[in-house]
Amino acid sequence: MPLRSRFLVWLLVPLLTLCSSIALADPVEGAAQALHLLDYLGADYPASVADGKVVEAADYQQQIEALTTLQGLVLALPQRAERADLEQAVAQLKNAVSSKQDGTQVARQARQLAAKLAVAYEVSQAPAITPDPARGAPLYAQHCSVCHGDTGAGDGPAGIGLEPPPSNLRD
């Protein structure tokens, strides 16, 4: 192989490797964050509103803030054919929460929007590897148990007097 060809190969291989890693990069980070917010809204909203009335004011306020964040995340996503529909669906979800619609209906809307978002931006909704409880236990003990308690009941010593109180993770 002539010297000039070797030199070109030496220059092109790293460039192609870099381009390949960019092309195979993780899905859009904002889409993954939006999925987490939709999961939170779908799970927690039904307990915050009943019969058109707010029953958990602090949780409801957090959900309103989460929707504002969600709207910003979706607007910041790269342009794709589905993005306009996603923006409209977020606006409808925000309207449903603002008008204190039924929790089951809002949870369904959040799940449907999450499914559309996952498909549009190719985000997996399952972990890449199965979580290992043995690895999670020390992390929980170090970062969570002080508020949520040793068993996750929300009765940790640092959680006393917090508003809203720590969640019972066993529910």
C-alpha atoms as a PDB file:
ATOM      1  CA  MET A   1       0.000   0.000   0.000  1.00  0.00           C
ATOM      2  CA  PRO A   2       1.555   3.343  -0.991  1.00  0.00           C
ATOM      3  CA  LEU A   3       2.381   5.852   1.708  1.00  0.00           C
ATOM      4  CA  ARG A   4      -0.264   8.307   0.529  1.00  0.00           C
ATOM      5  CA  SER A   5      -3.025   5.656   0.780  1.00  0.00           C
ATOM      6  CA  ARG A   6      -1.927   4.679   4.270  1.00  0.00           C
ATOM      7  CA  PHE A   7      -2.021   8.305   5.319  1.00  0.00           C
ATOM      8  CA  LEU A   8      -5.564   8.723   3.952  1.00  0.00           C
ATOM      9  CA  VAL A   9      -6.697   5.559   5.728  1.00  0.00           C
ATOM     10  CA  TRP A  10      -5.062   6.826   8.911  1.00  0.00           C
ATOM     11  CA  LEU A  11      -7.084  10.055   8.614  1.00  0.00           C
ATOM     12  CA  LEU A  12     -10.379   8.552   7.473  1.00  0.00           C
ATOM     13  CA  VAL A  13     -10.741   5.695   9.972  1.00  0.00           C
ATOM     14  CA  PRO A  14     -11.042   7.989  13.038  1.00  0.00           C
ATOM     15  CA  LEU A  15     -13.379  10.293  11.118  1.00  0.00           C
ATOM     16  CA  LEU A  16     -15.645   7.409  10.096  1.00  0.00           C
ATOM     17  CA  THR A  17     -15.582   6.055  13.646  1.00  0.00           C
ATOM     18  CA  LEU A  18     -16.654   9.434  14.984  1.00  0.00           C
ATOM     19  CA  CYS A  19     -19.445   9.741  12.423  1.00  0.00           C
ATOM     20  CA  SER A  20     -20.651   6.228  13.227  1.00  0.00           C
ATOM     21  CA  SER A  21     -20.761   6.916  16.950  1.00  0.00           C
ATOM     22  CA  ILE A  22     -22.760  10.069  16.338  1.00  0.00           C
ATOM     23  CA  ALA A  23     -25.196   8.202  14.107  1.00  0.00           C
ATOM     24  CA  LEU A  24     -25.601   5.438  16.688  1.00  0.00           C
ATOM     25  CA  ALA A  25     -25.869   7.817  19.651  1.00  0.00           C
ATOM     26  CA  ASP A  26     -28.561   7.427  22.244  1.00  0.00           C
ATOM     27  CA  PRO A  27     -32.012   8.716  21.369  1.00  0.00           C
ATOM     28  CA  VAL A  28     -32.816  12.338  21.967  1.00  0.00           C
ATOM     29  CA  GLU A  29     -32.376  13.007  25.679  1.00  0.00           C
ATOM     30  CA  GLY A  30     -35.320  15.387  25.878  1.00  0.00           C
ATOM     31  CA  ALA A  31     -37.613  12.632  24.635  1.00  0.00           C
ATOM     32  CA  ALA A  32     -36.507  10.320  27.448  1.00  0.00           C
ATOM     33  CA  GLN A  33     -37.074  13.066  30.023  1.00  0.00           C
ATOM     34  CA  ALA A  34     -40.502  13.754  28.555  1.00  0.00           C
ATOM     35  CA  LEU A  35     -41.370  10.056  28.874  1.00  0.00           C
ATOM     36  CA  HIS A  36     -40.436  10.120  32.553  1.00  0.00           C
ATOM     37  CA  LEU A  37     -42.640  13.161  33.134  1.00  0.00           C
ATOM     38  CA  LEU A  38     -45.557  11.513  31.341  1.00  0.00           C
ATOM     39  CA  ASP A  39     -45.103   8.396  33.464  1.00  0.00           C
ATOM     40  CA  TYR A  40     -45.149  10.551  36.609  1.00  0.00           C
ATOM     41  CA  LEU A  41     -48.274  12.409  35.496  1.00  0.00           C
ATOM     42  CA  GLY A  42     -50.092   9.219  34.550  1.00  0.00           C
ATOM     43  CA  ALA A  43     -49.297   7.606  37.884  1.00  0.00           C
ATOM     44  CA  ASP A  44     -49.804  10.503  40.307  1.00  0.00           C
ATOM     45  CA  TYR A  45     -52.531  12.687  38.799  1.00  0.00           C
ATOM     46  CA  PRO A  46     -55.478  10.386  39.627  1.00  0.00           C
ATOM     47  CA  ALA A  47     -54.750  10.719  43.365  1.00  0.00           C
ATOM     48  CA  SER A  48     -54.491  14.526  43.131  1.00  0.00           C
ATOM     49  CA  VAL A  49     -57.914  15.290  41.669  1.00  0.00           C
ATOM     50  CA  ALA A  50     -61.298  13.762  42.434  1.00  0.00           C
ATOM     51  CA  ASP A  51     -64.678  14.828  41.059  1.00  0.00           C
ATOM     52  CA  GLY A  52     -63.186  17.946  39.480  1.00  0.00           C
ATOM     53  CA  LYS A  53     -61.638  19.131  42.757  1.00  0.00           C
ATOM     54  CA  VAL A  54     -58.012  19.171  43.855  1.00  0.00           C
ATOM     55  CA  VAL A  55     -57.517  16.861  46.852  1.00  0.00           C
ATOM     56  CA  GLU A  56     -53.686  17.021  46.992  1.00  0.00           C
ATOM     57  CA  ALA A  57     -52.762  20.660  46.309  1.00  0.00           C
ATOM     58  CA  ALA A  58     -48.973  20.232  46.508  1.00  0.00           C
ATOM     59  CA  ASP A  59     -49.001  17.245  44.145  1.00  0.00           C
ATOM     60  CA  TYR A  60     -51.355  19.019  41.752  1.00  0.00           C
ATOM     61  CA  GLN A  61     -49.053  22.061  41.647  1.00  0.00           C
ATOM     62  CA  GLN A  62     -46.070  19.808  40.888  1.00  0.00           C
ATOM     63  CA  GLN A  63     -48.024  18.261  38.028  1.00  0.00           C
ATOM     64  CA  ILE A  64     -48.811  21.683  36.561  1.00  0.00           C
ATOM     65  CA  GLU A  65     -45.089  22.501  36.717  1.00  0.00           C
ATOM     66  CA  ALA A  66     -44.219  19.132  35.169  1.00  0.00           C
ATOM     67  CA  LEU A  67     -46.567  19.864  32.269  1.00  0.00           C
ATOM     68  CA  THR A  68     -44.865  23.200  31.637  1.00  0.00           C
ATOM     69  CA  THR A  69     -41.505  21.417  31.608  1.00  0.00           C
ATOM     70  CA  LEU A  70     -42.948  18.724  29.344  1.00  0.00           C
ATOM     71  CA  GLN A  71     -44.175  21.340  26.900  1.00  0.00           C
ATOM     72  CA  GLY A  72     -40.703  22.889  26.734  1.00  0.00           C
ATOM     73  CA  LEU A  73     -39.054  19.503  26.218  1.00  0.00           C
ATOM     74  CA  VAL A  74     -41.348  18.604  23.328  1.00  0.00           C
ATOM     75  CA  LEU A  75     -40.852  22.004  21.681  1.00  0.00           C
ATOM     76  CA  ALA A  76     -37.076  21.528  21.923  1.00  0.00           C
ATOM     77  CA  LEU A  77     -37.092  18.101  20.265  1.00  0.00           C
ATOM     78  CA  PRO A  78     -35.650  17.860  16.755  1.00  0.00           C
ATOM     79  CA  GLN A  79     -38.207  18.463  14.030  1.00  0.00           C
ATOM     80  CA  ARG A  80     -39.893  15.287  12.841  1.00  0.00           C
ATOM     81  CA  ALA A  81     -43.195  14.706  11.089  1.00  0.00           C
ATOM     82  CA  GLU A  82     -44.882  13.634  14.343  1.00  0.00           C
ATOM     83  CA  ARG A  83     -43.748  16.582  16.469  1.00  0.00           C
ATOM     84  CA  ALA A  84     -46.709  18.847  15.642  1.00  0.00           C
ATOM     85  CA  ASP A  85     -49.123  16.112  16.765  1.00  0.00           C
ATOM     86  CA  LEU A  86     -47.099  15.642  19.958  1.00  0.00           C
ATOM     87  CA  GLU A  87     -47.201  19.383  20.674  1.00  0.00           C
ATOM     88  CA  GLN A  88     -50.974  19.369  20.218  1.00  0.00           C
ATOM     89  CA  ALA A  89     -51.350  16.306  22.471  1.00  0.00           C
ATOM     90  CA  VAL A  90     -49.283  17.990  25.215  1.00  0.00           C
ATOM     91  CA  ALA A  91     -51.511  21.077  24.975  1.00  0.00           C
ATOM     92  CA  GLN A  92     -54.611  18.870  25.282  1.00  0.00           C
ATOM     93  CA  LEU A  93     -53.123  17.067  28.289  1.00  0.00           C
ATOM     94  CA  LYS A  94     -52.264  20.389  29.922  1.00  0.00           C
ATOM     95  CA  ASN A  95     -55.826  21.579  29.307  1.00  0.00           C
ATOM     96  CA  ALA A  96     -57.232  18.364  30.813  1.00  0.00           C
ATOM     97  CA  VAL A  97     -55.139  18.793  33.965  1.00  0.00           C
ATOM     98  CA  SER A  98     -55.942  22.519  34.221  1.00  0.00           C
ATOM     99  CA  SER A  99     -59.663  21.789  33.982  1.00  0.00           C
ATOM    100  CA  LYS A 100     -59.261  19.032  36.618  1.00  0.00           C
ATOM    101  CA  GLN A 101     -60.646  16.247  34.441  1.00  0.00           C
ATOM    102  CA  ASP A 102     -61.089  12.692  35.673  1.00  0.00           C
ATOM    103  CA  GLY A 103     -57.851  11.014  36.781  1.00  0.00           C
ATOM    104  CA  THR A 104     -58.423   7.870  34.737  1.00  0.00           C
ATOM    105  CA  GLN A 105     -58.921   9.891  31.557  1.00  0.00           C
ATOM    106  CA  VAL A 106     -55.824  12.044  32.164  1.00  0.00           C
ATOM    107  CA  ALA A 107     -53.722   8.955  32.942  1.00  0.00           C
ATOM    108  CA  ARG A 108     -54.902   7.369  29.681  1.00  0.00           C
ATOM    109  CA  GLN A 109     -54.004  10.527  27.742  1.00  0.00           C
ATOM    110  CA  ALA A 110     -50.541  10.572  29.331  1.00  0.00           C
ATOM    111  CA  ARG A 111     -49.928   6.900  28.460  1.00  0.00           C
ATOM    112  CA  GLN A 112     -51.091   7.387  24.863  1.00  0.00           C
ATOM    113  CA  LEU A 113     -48.889  10.444  24.459  1.00  0.00           C
ATOM    114  CA  ALA A 114     -45.928   8.544  25.925  1.00  0.00           C
ATOM    115  CA  ALA A 115     -46.438   5.715  23.439  1.00  0.00           C
ATOM    116  CA  LYS A 116     -46.537   8.147  20.491  1.00  0.00           C
ATOM    117  CA  LEU A 117     -43.445   9.964  21.752  1.00  0.00           C
ATOM    118  CA  ALA A 118     -41.524   6.711  22.239  1.00  0.00           C
ATOM    119  CA  VAL A 119     -42.264   5.623  18.678  1.00  0.00           C
ATOM    120  CA  ALA A 120     -41.590   9.030  17.101  1.00  0.00           C
ATOM    121  CA  TYR A 121     -38.202   9.493  18.776  1.00  0.00           C
ATOM    122  CA  GLU A 122     -37.262   5.813  19.089  1.00  0.00           C
ATOM    123  CA  VAL A 123     -36.966   5.803  22.875  1.00  0.00           C
ATOM    124  CA  SER A 124     -37.146   2.504  24.717  1.00  0.00           C
ATOM    125  CA  GLN A 125     -39.537   2.509  27.646  1.00  0.00           C
ATOM    126  CA  ALA A 126     -37.793  -0.431  29.296  1.00  0.00           C
ATOM    127  CA  PRO A 127     -34.358  -0.462  30.897  1.00  0.00           C
ATOM    128  CA  ALA A 128     -31.525  -1.799  28.737  1.00  0.00           C
ATOM    129  CA  ILE A 129     -30.621  -4.261  31.488  1.00  0.00           C
ATOM    130  CA  THR A 130     -32.687  -5.764  34.269  1.00  0.00           C
ATOM    131  CA  PRO A 131     -32.161  -3.728  37.453  1.00  0.00           C
ATOM    132  CA  ASP A 132     -30.218  -5.592  40.132  1.00  0.00           C
ATOM    133  CA  PRO A 133     -31.748  -5.210  43.628  1.00  0.00           C
ATOM    134  CA  ALA A 134     -28.395  -6.031  45.223  1.00  0.00           C
ATOM    135  CA  ARG A 135     -26.807  -3.024  43.494  1.00  0.00           C
ATOM    136  CA  GLY A 136     -29.776  -0.795  44.247  1.00  0.00           C
ATOM    137  CA  ALA A 137     -29.938  -1.536  47.984  1.00  0.00           C
ATOM    138  CA  PRO A 138     -26.811   0.432  48.961  1.00  0.00           C
ATOM    139  CA  LEU A 139     -27.889   3.336  46.737  1.00  0.00           C
ATOM    140  CA  TYR A 140     -31.315   3.378  48.379  1.00  0.00           C
ATOM    141  CA  ALA A 141     -29.744   3.220  51.848  1.00  0.00           C
ATOM    142  CA  GLN A 142     -27.396   6.089  51.036  1.00  0.00           C
ATOM    143  CA  HIS A 143     -29.723   8.426  49.143  1.00  0.00           C
ATOM    144  CA  CYS A 144     -33.344   7.556  49.891  1.00  0.00           C
ATOM    145  CA  SER A 145     -33.869   5.876  53.247  1.00  0.00           C
ATOM    146  CA  VAL A 146     -33.279   9.028  55.257  1.00  0.00           C
ATOM    147  CA  CYS A 147     -36.633  10.370  53.994  1.00  0.00           C
ATOM    148  CA  HIS A 148     -38.470   7.259  52.778  1.00  0.00           C
ATOM    149  CA  GLY A 149     -37.432   4.987  55.663  1.00  0.00           C
ATOM    150  CA  ASP A 150     -35.671   1.638  55.657  1.00  0.00           C
ATOM    151  CA  THR A 151     -38.657  -0.168  54.151  1.00  0.00           C
ATOM    152  CA  GLY A 152     -39.874   2.627  51.854  1.00  0.00           C
ATOM    153  CA  ALA A 153     -42.938   3.509  53.915  1.00  0.00           C
ATOM    154  CA  GLY A 154     -42.188   7.249  53.816  1.00  0.00           C
ATOM    155  CA  ASP A 155     -41.356   7.285  57.526  1.00  0.00           C
ATOM    156  CA  GLY A 156     -37.659   8.217  57.510  1.00  0.00           C
ATOM    157  CA  PRO A 157     -36.365  10.649  60.149  1.00  0.00           C
ATOM    158  CA  ALA A 158     -35.539  13.429  57.654  1.00  0.00           C
ATOM    159  CA  GLY A 159     -39.016  13.185  56.149  1.00  0.00           C
ATOM    160  CA  ILE A 160     -40.778  14.421  59.274  1.00  0.00           C
ATOM    161  CA  GLY A 161     -42.387  17.768  58.546  1.00  0.00           C
ATOM    162  CA  LEU A 162     -41.596  17.799  54.819  1.00  0.00           C
ATOM    163  CA  GLU A 163     -44.344  19.207  52.640  1.00  0.00           C
ATOM    164  CA  PRO A 164     -45.329  17.238  50.679  1.00  0.00           C
ATOM    165  CA  PRO A 165     -44.315  14.283  52.834  1.00  0.00           C
ATOM    166  CA  PRO A 166     -42.125  11.535  51.348  1.00  0.00           C
ATOM    167  CA  SER A 167     -44.047   9.030  49.246  1.00  0.00           C
ATOM    168  CA  ASN A 168     -44.818   5.556  50.506  1.00  0.00           C
ATOM    169  CA  LEU A 169     -42.893   3.574  47.905  1.00  0.00           C
ATOM    170  CA  ARG A 170     -44.588   0.329  48.918  1.00  0.00           C
ATOM    171  CA  ASP A 171     -47.948   1.418  47.457  1.00  0.00           C
END
